[in-house]
Amino acid sequence: MAAASVPVQDGDTAGQDDTSQSSGGLLDYARRVAAEHHARHGRPITRDTLRARLGVSNQLATDLLRQLRNIPDPA
């Protein structure tokens, strides 16, 4: 019975790894969208605008903005 619970935990961990890898691409896209918004409007993108442009949840848009503000633009 203990062996049955181990694969479930491995599956959960693998799902988290996949999310981390795919969120890197999403973060890059969010960075481009935010930069485009700033260039066009002269002010930082809001969470709601980012959410609408990416089609993601409020929480994910908040998390992405937090990461964008804490990580400097790549040179």
PDB file of N, CA and C in Angstrom:
ATOM      1  N   MET A   1       0.818  -1.180   0.000  1.00  0.00           N
ATOM      2  CA  MET A   1       0.000   0.000   0.000  1.00  0.00           C
ATOM      3  C   MET A   1       0.870   1.254   0.000  1.00  0.00           C
ATOM      4  N   ALA A   2       1.983   1.214   0.680  1.00  0.00           N
ATOM      5  CA  ALA A   2       2.876   2.373   0.701  1.00  0.00           C
ATOM      6  C   ALA A   2       3.456   2.629  -0.687  1.00  0.00           C
ATOM      7  N   ALA A   3       3.679   1.542  -1.453  1.00  0.00           N
ATOM      8  CA  ALA A   3       4.227   1.700  -2.794  1.00  0.00           C
ATOM      9  C   ALA A   3       3.253   2.457  -3.698  1.00  0.00           C
ATOM     10  N   ALA A   4       1.960   2.306  -3.467  1.00  0.00           N
ATOM     11  CA  ALA A   4       0.965   2.995  -4.296  1.00  0.00           C
ATOM     12  C   ALA A   4       1.000   4.506  -4.057  1.00  0.00           C
ATOM     13  N   SER A   5       1.353   4.926  -2.846  1.00  0.00           N
ATOM     14  CA  SER A   5       1.364   6.358  -2.565  1.00  0.00           C
ATOM     15  C   SER A   5       2.618   7.043  -3.113  1.00  0.00           C
ATOM     16  N   VAL A   6       3.686   6.314  -3.320  1.00  0.00           N
ATOM     17  CA  VAL A   6       4.919   6.903  -3.823  1.00  0.00           C
ATOM     18  C   VAL A   6       4.758   7.447  -5.239  1.00  0.00           C
ATOM     19  N   PRO A   7       4.175   6.683  -6.201  1.00  0.00           N
ATOM     20  CA  PRO A   7       4.009   7.232  -7.549  1.00  0.00           C
ATOM     21  C   PRO A   7       3.133   8.484  -7.582  1.00  0.00           C
ATOM     22  N   VAL A   8       2.156   8.565  -6.719  1.00  0.00           N
ATOM     23  CA  VAL A   8       1.306   9.754  -6.678  1.00  0.00           C
ATOM     24  C   VAL A   8       2.150  10.961  -6.299  1.00  0.00           C
ATOM     25  N   GLN A   9       3.032  10.800  -5.319  1.00  0.00           N
ATOM     26  CA  GLN A   9       3.895  11.903  -4.921  1.00  0.00           C
ATOM     27  C   GLN A   9       4.851  12.262  -6.042  1.00  0.00           C
ATOM     28  N   ASP A  10       5.392  11.246  -6.736  1.00  0.00           N
ATOM     29  CA  ASP A  10       6.284  11.523  -7.852  1.00  0.00           C
ATOM     30  C   ASP A  10       5.551  12.277  -8.951  1.00  0.00           C
ATOM     31  N   GLY A  11       4.299  11.893  -9.223  1.00  0.00           N
ATOM     32  CA  GLY A  11       3.503  12.576 -10.235  1.00  0.00           C
ATOM     33  C   GLY A  11       3.270  14.026  -9.860  1.00  0.00           C
ATOM     34  N   ASP A  12       3.009  14.289  -8.570  1.00  0.00           N
ATOM     35  CA  ASP A  12       2.805  15.668  -8.124  1.00  0.00           C
ATOM     36  C   ASP A  12       4.072  16.486  -8.306  1.00  0.00           C
ATOM     37  N   THR A  13       5.203  15.917  -7.975  1.00  0.00           N
ATOM     38  CA  THR A  13       6.478  16.620  -8.113  1.00  0.00           C
ATOM     39  C   THR A  13       6.780  16.888  -9.582  1.00  0.00           C
ATOM     40  N   ALA A  14       6.518  15.904 -10.434  1.00  0.00           N
ATOM     41  CA  ALA A  14       6.775  16.086 -11.860  1.00  0.00           C
ATOM     42  C   ALA A  14       5.890  17.202 -12.413  1.00  0.00           C
ATOM     43  N   GLY A  15       4.657  17.281 -11.956  1.00  0.00           N
ATOM     44  CA  GLY A  15       3.760  18.341 -12.401  1.00  0.00           C
ATOM     45  C   GLY A  15       4.279  19.706 -12.008  1.00  0.00           C
ATOM     46  N   GLN A  16       4.858  19.804 -10.839  1.00  0.00           N
ATOM     47  CA  GLN A  16       5.413  21.083 -10.389  1.00  0.00           C
ATOM     48  C   GLN A  16       6.611  21.461 -11.248  1.00  0.00           C
ATOM     49  N   ASP A  17       7.431  20.484 -11.620  1.00  0.00           N
ATOM     50  CA  ASP A  17       8.579  20.770 -12.473  1.00  0.00           C
ATOM     51  C   ASP A  17       8.128  21.257 -13.834  1.00  0.00           C
ATOM     52  N   ASP A  18       7.094  20.622 -14.394  1.00  0.00           N
ATOM     53  CA  ASP A  18       6.566  21.042 -15.687  1.00  0.00           C
ATOM     54  C   ASP A  18       6.043  22.465 -15.614  1.00  0.00           C
ATOM     55  N   THR A  19       5.354  22.806 -14.526  1.00  0.00           N
ATOM     56  CA  THR A  19       4.820  24.147 -14.356  1.00  0.00           C
ATOM     57  C   THR A  19       5.955  25.159 -14.289  1.00  0.00           C
ATOM     58  N   SER A  20       7.024  24.822 -13.579  1.00  0.00           N
ATOM     59  CA  SER A  20       8.162  25.740 -13.468  1.00  0.00           C
ATOM     60  C   SER A  20       8.802  25.977 -14.826  1.00  0.00           C
ATOM     61  N   GLN A  21       8.933  24.924 -15.611  1.00  0.00           N
ATOM     62  CA  GLN A  21       9.549  25.060 -16.927  1.00  0.00           C
ATOM     63  C   GLN A  21       8.669  25.872 -17.856  1.00  0.00           C
ATOM     64  N   SER A  22       7.367  25.607 -17.857  1.00  0.00           N
ATOM     65  CA  SER A  22       6.484  26.342 -18.755  1.00  0.00           C
ATOM     66  C   SER A  22       6.303  27.782 -18.298  1.00  0.00           C
ATOM     67  N   SER A  23       6.402  28.035 -16.994  1.00  0.00           N
ATOM     68  CA  SER A  23       6.231  29.405 -16.510  1.00  0.00           C
ATOM     69  C   SER A  23       7.410  30.287 -16.936  1.00  0.00           C
ATOM     70  N   GLY A  24       8.558  29.691 -17.243  1.00  0.00           N
ATOM     71  CA  GLY A  24       9.680  30.473 -17.758  1.00  0.00           C
ATOM     72  C   GLY A  24       9.320  31.114 -19.088  1.00  0.00           C
ATOM     73  N   GLY A  25       8.672  30.349 -19.953  1.00  0.00           N
ATOM     74  CA  GLY A  25       8.212  30.891 -21.224  1.00  0.00           C
ATOM     75  C   GLY A  25       7.122  31.922 -21.028  1.00  0.00           C
ATOM     76  N   LEU A  26       6.235  31.664 -20.083  1.00  0.00           N
ATOM     77  CA  LEU A  26       5.159  32.607 -19.791  1.00  0.00           C
ATOM     78  C   LEU A  26       5.730  33.897 -19.208  1.00  0.00           C
ATOM     79  N   LEU A  27       6.745  33.773 -18.369  1.00  0.00           N
ATOM     80  CA  LEU A  27       7.389  34.951 -17.797  1.00  0.00           C
ATOM     81  C   LEU A  27       8.054  35.788 -18.890  1.00  0.00           C
ATOM     82  N   ASP A  28       8.694  35.134 -19.837  1.00  0.00           N
ATOM     83  CA  ASP A  28       9.311  35.852 -20.953  1.00  0.00           C
ATOM     84  C   ASP A  28       8.255  36.589 -21.773  1.00  0.00           C
ATOM     85  N   TYR A  29       7.137  35.919 -22.021  1.00  0.00           N
ATOM     86  CA  TYR A  29       6.060  36.545 -22.786  1.00  0.00           C
ATOM     87  C   TYR A  29       5.465  37.716 -22.005  1.00  0.00           C
ATOM     88  N   ALA A  30       5.276  37.527 -20.693  1.00  0.00           N
ATOM     89  CA  ALA A  30       4.749  38.607 -19.846  1.00  0.00           C
ATOM     90  C   ALA A  30       5.696  39.798 -19.859  1.00  0.00           C
ATOM     91  N   ARG A  31       6.993  39.539 -19.871  1.00  0.00           N
ATOM     92  CA  ARG A  31       7.986  40.620 -19.926  1.00  0.00           C
ATOM     93  C   ARG A  31       7.848  41.410 -21.231  1.00  0.00           C
ATOM     94  N   ARG A  32       7.663  40.702 -22.341  1.00  0.00           N
ATOM     95  CA  ARG A  32       7.496  41.377 -23.634  1.00  0.00           C
ATOM     96  C   ARG A  32       6.212  42.196 -23.667  1.00  0.00           C
ATOM     97  N   VAL A  33       5.132  41.624 -23.155  1.00  0.00           N
ATOM     98  CA  VAL A  33       3.846  42.332 -23.123  1.00  0.00           C
ATOM     99  C   VAL A  33       3.959  43.580 -22.251  1.00  0.00           C
ATOM    100  N   ALA A  34       4.617  43.453 -21.093  1.00  0.00           N
ATOM    101  CA  ALA A  34       4.781  44.592 -20.179  1.00  0.00           C
ATOM    102  C   ALA A  34       5.641  45.683 -20.816  1.00  0.00           C
ATOM    103  N   ALA A  35       6.701  45.286 -21.494  1.00  0.00           N
ATOM    104  CA  ALA A  35       7.577  46.267 -22.142  1.00  0.00           C
ATOM    105  C   ALA A  35       6.844  46.979 -23.280  1.00  0.00           C
ATOM    106  N   GLU A  36       6.068  46.228 -24.041  1.00  0.00           N
ATOM    107  CA  GLU A  36       5.291  46.813 -25.133  1.00  0.00           C
ATOM    108  C   GLU A  36       4.266  47.807 -24.585  1.00  0.00           C
ATOM    109  N   HIS A  37       3.614  47.442 -23.485  1.00  0.00           N
ATOM    110  CA  HIS A  37       2.635  48.324 -22.858  1.00  0.00           C
ATOM    111  C   HIS A  37       3.307  49.616 -22.380  1.00  0.00           C
ATOM    112  N   HIS A  38       4.467  49.473 -21.745  1.00  0.00           N
ATOM    113  CA  HIS A  38       5.179  50.642 -21.229  1.00  0.00           C
ATOM    114  C   HIS A  38       5.615  51.561 -22.367  1.00  0.00           C
ATOM    115  N   ALA A  39       6.090  50.979 -23.444  1.00  0.00           N
ATOM    116  CA  ALA A  39       6.521  51.783 -24.597  1.00  0.00           C
ATOM    117  C   ALA A  39       5.336  52.517 -25.234  1.00  0.00           C
ATOM    118  N   ARG A  40       4.211  51.856 -25.275  1.00  0.00           N
ATOM    119  CA  ARG A  40       3.042  52.441 -25.921  1.00  0.00           C
ATOM    120  C   ARG A  40       2.338  53.472 -25.047  1.00  0.00           C
ATOM    121  N   HIS A  41       2.262  53.218 -23.740  1.00  0.00           N
ATOM    122  CA  HIS A  41       1.465  54.064 -22.849  1.00  0.00           C
ATOM    123  C   HIS A  41       2.290  54.917 -21.881  1.00  0.00           C
ATOM    124  N   GLY A  42       3.586  54.628 -21.768  1.00  0.00           N
ATOM    125  CA  GLY A  42       4.443  55.421 -20.900  1.00  0.00           C
ATOM    126  C   GLY A  42       4.270  55.146 -19.410  1.00  0.00           C
ATOM    127  N   ARG A  43       3.642  54.035 -19.082  1.00  0.00           N
ATOM    128  CA  ARG A  43       3.476  53.655 -17.668  1.00  0.00           C
ATOM    129  C   ARG A  43       3.482  52.131 -17.558  1.00  0.00           C
ATOM    130  N   PRO A  44       3.799  51.622 -16.382  1.00  0.00           N
ATOM    131  CA  PRO A  44       3.852  50.162 -16.208  1.00  0.00           C
ATOM    132  C   PRO A  44       2.482  49.523 -16.411  1.00  0.00           C
ATOM    133  N   ILE A  45       2.499  48.289 -16.840  1.00  0.00           N
ATOM    134  CA  ILE A  45       1.270  47.544 -17.037  1.00  0.00           C
ATOM    135  C   ILE A  45       0.650  47.194 -15.681  1.00  0.00           C
ATOM    136  N   THR A  46      -0.661  47.182 -15.622  1.00  0.00           N
ATOM    137  CA  THR A  46      -1.350  46.797 -14.386  1.00  0.00           C
ATOM    138  C   THR A  46      -1.603  45.294 -14.397  1.00  0.00           C
ATOM    139  N   ARG A  47      -1.918  44.784 -13.222  1.00  0.00           N
ATOM    140  CA  ARG A  47      -2.219  43.364 -13.114  1.00  0.00           C
ATOM    141  C   ARG A  47      -3.411  43.003 -13.995  1.00  0.00           C
ATOM    142  N   ASP A  48      -4.445  43.819 -13.974  1.00  0.00           N
ATOM    143  CA  ASP A  48      -5.647  43.501 -14.739  1.00  0.00           C
ATOM    144  C   ASP A  48      -5.393  43.520 -16.242  1.00  0.00           C
ATOM    145  N   THR A  49      -4.579  44.448 -16.699  1.00  0.00           N
ATOM    146  CA  THR A  49      -4.245  44.496 -18.119  1.00  0.00           C
ATOM    147  C   THR A  49      -3.405  43.294 -18.509  1.00  0.00           C
ATOM    148  N   LEU A  50      -2.432  42.942 -17.685  1.00  0.00           N
ATOM    149  CA  LEU A  50      -1.601  41.774 -17.952  1.00  0.00           C
ATOM    150  C   LEU A  50      -2.454  40.510 -17.963  1.00  0.00           C
ATOM    151  N   ARG A  51      -3.361  40.413 -17.011  1.00  0.00           N
ATOM    152  CA  ARG A  51      -4.257  39.254 -16.930  1.00  0.00           C
ATOM    153  C   ARG A  51      -5.070  39.125 -18.219  1.00  0.00           C
ATOM    154  N   ALA A  52      -5.615  40.228 -18.672  1.00  0.00           N
ATOM    155  CA  ALA A  52      -6.431  40.204 -19.884  1.00  0.00           C
ATOM    156  C   ALA A  52      -5.602  39.857 -21.118  1.00  0.00           C
ATOM    157  N   ARG A  53      -4.424  40.432 -21.217  1.00  0.00           N
ATOM    158  CA  ARG A  53      -3.571  40.179 -22.394  1.00  0.00           C
ATOM    159  C   ARG A  53      -3.075  38.740 -22.450  1.00  0.00           C
ATOM    160  N   LEU A  54      -2.782  38.156 -21.269  1.00  0.00           N
ATOM    161  CA  LEU A  54      -2.255  36.789 -21.242  1.00  0.00           C
ATOM    162  C   LEU A  54      -3.347  35.745 -21.120  1.00  0.00           C
ATOM    163  N   GLY A  55      -4.532  36.159 -20.662  1.00  0.00           N
ATOM    164  CA  GLY A  55      -5.608  35.193 -20.451  1.00  0.00           C
ATOM    165  C   GLY A  55      -5.339  34.273 -19.282  1.00  0.00           C
ATOM    166  N   VAL A  56      -4.797  34.844 -18.195  1.00  0.00           N
ATOM    167  CA  VAL A  56      -4.474  34.053 -17.007  1.00  0.00           C
ATOM    168  C   VAL A  56      -5.297  34.549 -15.817  1.00  0.00           C
ATOM    169  N   SER A  57      -5.189  33.860 -14.703  1.00  0.00           N
ATOM    170  CA  SER A  57      -5.917  34.236 -13.496  1.00  0.00           C
ATOM    171  C   SER A  57      -5.309  35.480 -12.850  1.00  0.00           C
ATOM    172  N   ASN A  58      -6.074  36.100 -11.961  1.00  0.00           N
ATOM    173  CA  ASN A  58      -5.568  37.249 -11.203  1.00  0.00           C
ATOM    174  C   ASN A  58      -4.315  36.874 -10.424  1.00  0.00           C
ATOM    175  N   GLN A  59      -4.347  35.693  -9.786  1.00  0.00           N
ATOM    176  CA  GLN A  59      -3.212  35.270  -8.968  1.00  0.00           C
ATOM    177  C   GLN A  59      -1.956  35.092  -9.811  1.00  0.00           C
ATOM    178  N   LEU A  60      -2.105  34.455 -10.973  1.00  0.00           N
ATOM    179  CA  LEU A  60      -0.939  34.244 -11.823  1.00  0.00           C
ATOM    180  C   LEU A  60      -0.420  35.575 -12.362  1.00  0.00           C
ATOM    181  N   ALA A  61      -1.313  36.475 -12.738  1.00  0.00           N
ATOM    182  CA  ALA A  61      -0.878  37.797 -13.210  1.00  0.00           C
ATOM    183  C   ALA A  61      -0.136  38.540 -12.104  1.00  0.00           C
ATOM    184  N   THR A  62      -0.631  38.441 -10.870  1.00  0.00           N
ATOM    185  CA  THR A  62       0.045  39.071  -9.728  1.00  0.00           C
ATOM    186  C   THR A  62       1.437  38.485  -9.538  1.00  0.00           C
ATOM    187  N   ASP A  63       1.533  37.159  -9.593  1.00  0.00           N
ATOM    188  CA  ASP A  63       2.823  36.486  -9.418  1.00  0.00           C
ATOM    189  C   ASP A  63       3.803  36.879 -10.529  1.00  0.00           C
ATOM    190  N   LEU A  64       3.313  36.943 -11.758  1.00  0.00           N
ATOM    191  CA  LEU A  64       4.183  37.325 -12.871  1.00  0.00           C
ATOM    192  C   LEU A  64       4.684  38.757 -12.713  1.00  0.00           C
ATOM    193  N   LEU A  65       3.788  39.669 -12.348  1.00  0.00           N
ATOM    194  CA  LEU A  65       4.213  41.063 -12.144  1.00  0.00           C
ATOM    195  C   LEU A  65       5.244  41.164 -11.028  1.00  0.00           C
ATOM    196  N   ARG A  66       5.037  40.421  -9.967  1.00  0.00           N
ATOM    197  CA  ARG A  66       5.992  40.437  -8.849  1.00  0.00           C
ATOM    198  C   ARG A  66       7.361  39.976  -9.334  1.00  0.00           C
ATOM    199  N   GLN A  67       7.382  38.929 -10.144  1.00  0.00           N
ATOM    200  CA  GLN A  67       8.658  38.433 -10.671  1.00  0.00           C
ATOM    201  C   GLN A  67       9.288  39.445 -11.625  1.00  0.00           C
ATOM    202  N   LEU A  68       8.476  40.062 -12.459  1.00  0.00           N
ATOM    203  CA  LEU A  68       9.012  41.052 -13.401  1.00  0.00           C
ATOM    204  C   LEU A  68       9.630  42.237 -12.679  1.00  0.00           C
ATOM    205  N   ARG A  69       9.026  42.645 -11.596  1.00  0.00           N
ATOM    206  CA  ARG A  69       9.526  43.808 -10.846  1.00  0.00           C
ATOM    207  C   ARG A  69      10.764  43.479 -10.035  1.00  0.00           C
ATOM    208  N   ASN A  70      10.975  42.198  -9.716  1.00  0.00           N
ATOM    209  CA  ASN A  70      12.120  41.794  -8.901  1.00  0.00           C
ATOM    210  C   ASN A  70      13.304  41.324  -9.729  1.00  0.00           C
ATOM    211  N   ILE A  71      13.076  41.074 -11.013  1.00  0.00           N
ATOM    212  CA  ILE A  71      14.152  40.594 -11.885  1.00  0.00           C
ATOM    213  C   ILE A  71      14.461  41.683 -12.901  1.00  0.00           C
ATOM    214  N   PRO A  72      15.695  42.173 -12.947  1.00  0.00           N
ATOM    215  CA  PRO A  72      16.028  43.210 -13.933  1.00  0.00           C
ATOM    216  C   PRO A  72      15.933  42.654 -15.347  1.00  0.00           C
ATOM    217  N   ASP A  73      15.674  43.533 -16.314  1.00  0.00           N
ATOM    218  CA  ASP A  73      15.610  43.123 -17.713  1.00  0.00           C
ATOM    219  C   ASP A  73      16.954  42.557 -18.140  1.00  0.00           C
ATOM    220  N   PRO A  74      16.925  41.481 -18.932  1.00  0.00           N
ATOM    221  CA  PRO A  74      18.210  40.931 -19.408  1.00  0.00           C
ATOM    222  C   PRO A  74      18.884  41.911 -20.358  1.00  0.00           C
ATOM    223  N   ALA A  75      20.190  42.002 -20.260  1.00  0.00           N
ATOM    224  CA  ALA A  75      20.933  42.973 -21.089  1.00  0.00           C
ATOM    225  C   ALA A  75      21.284  42.413 -22.436  1.00  0.00           C
TER     226      ALA A  75
END
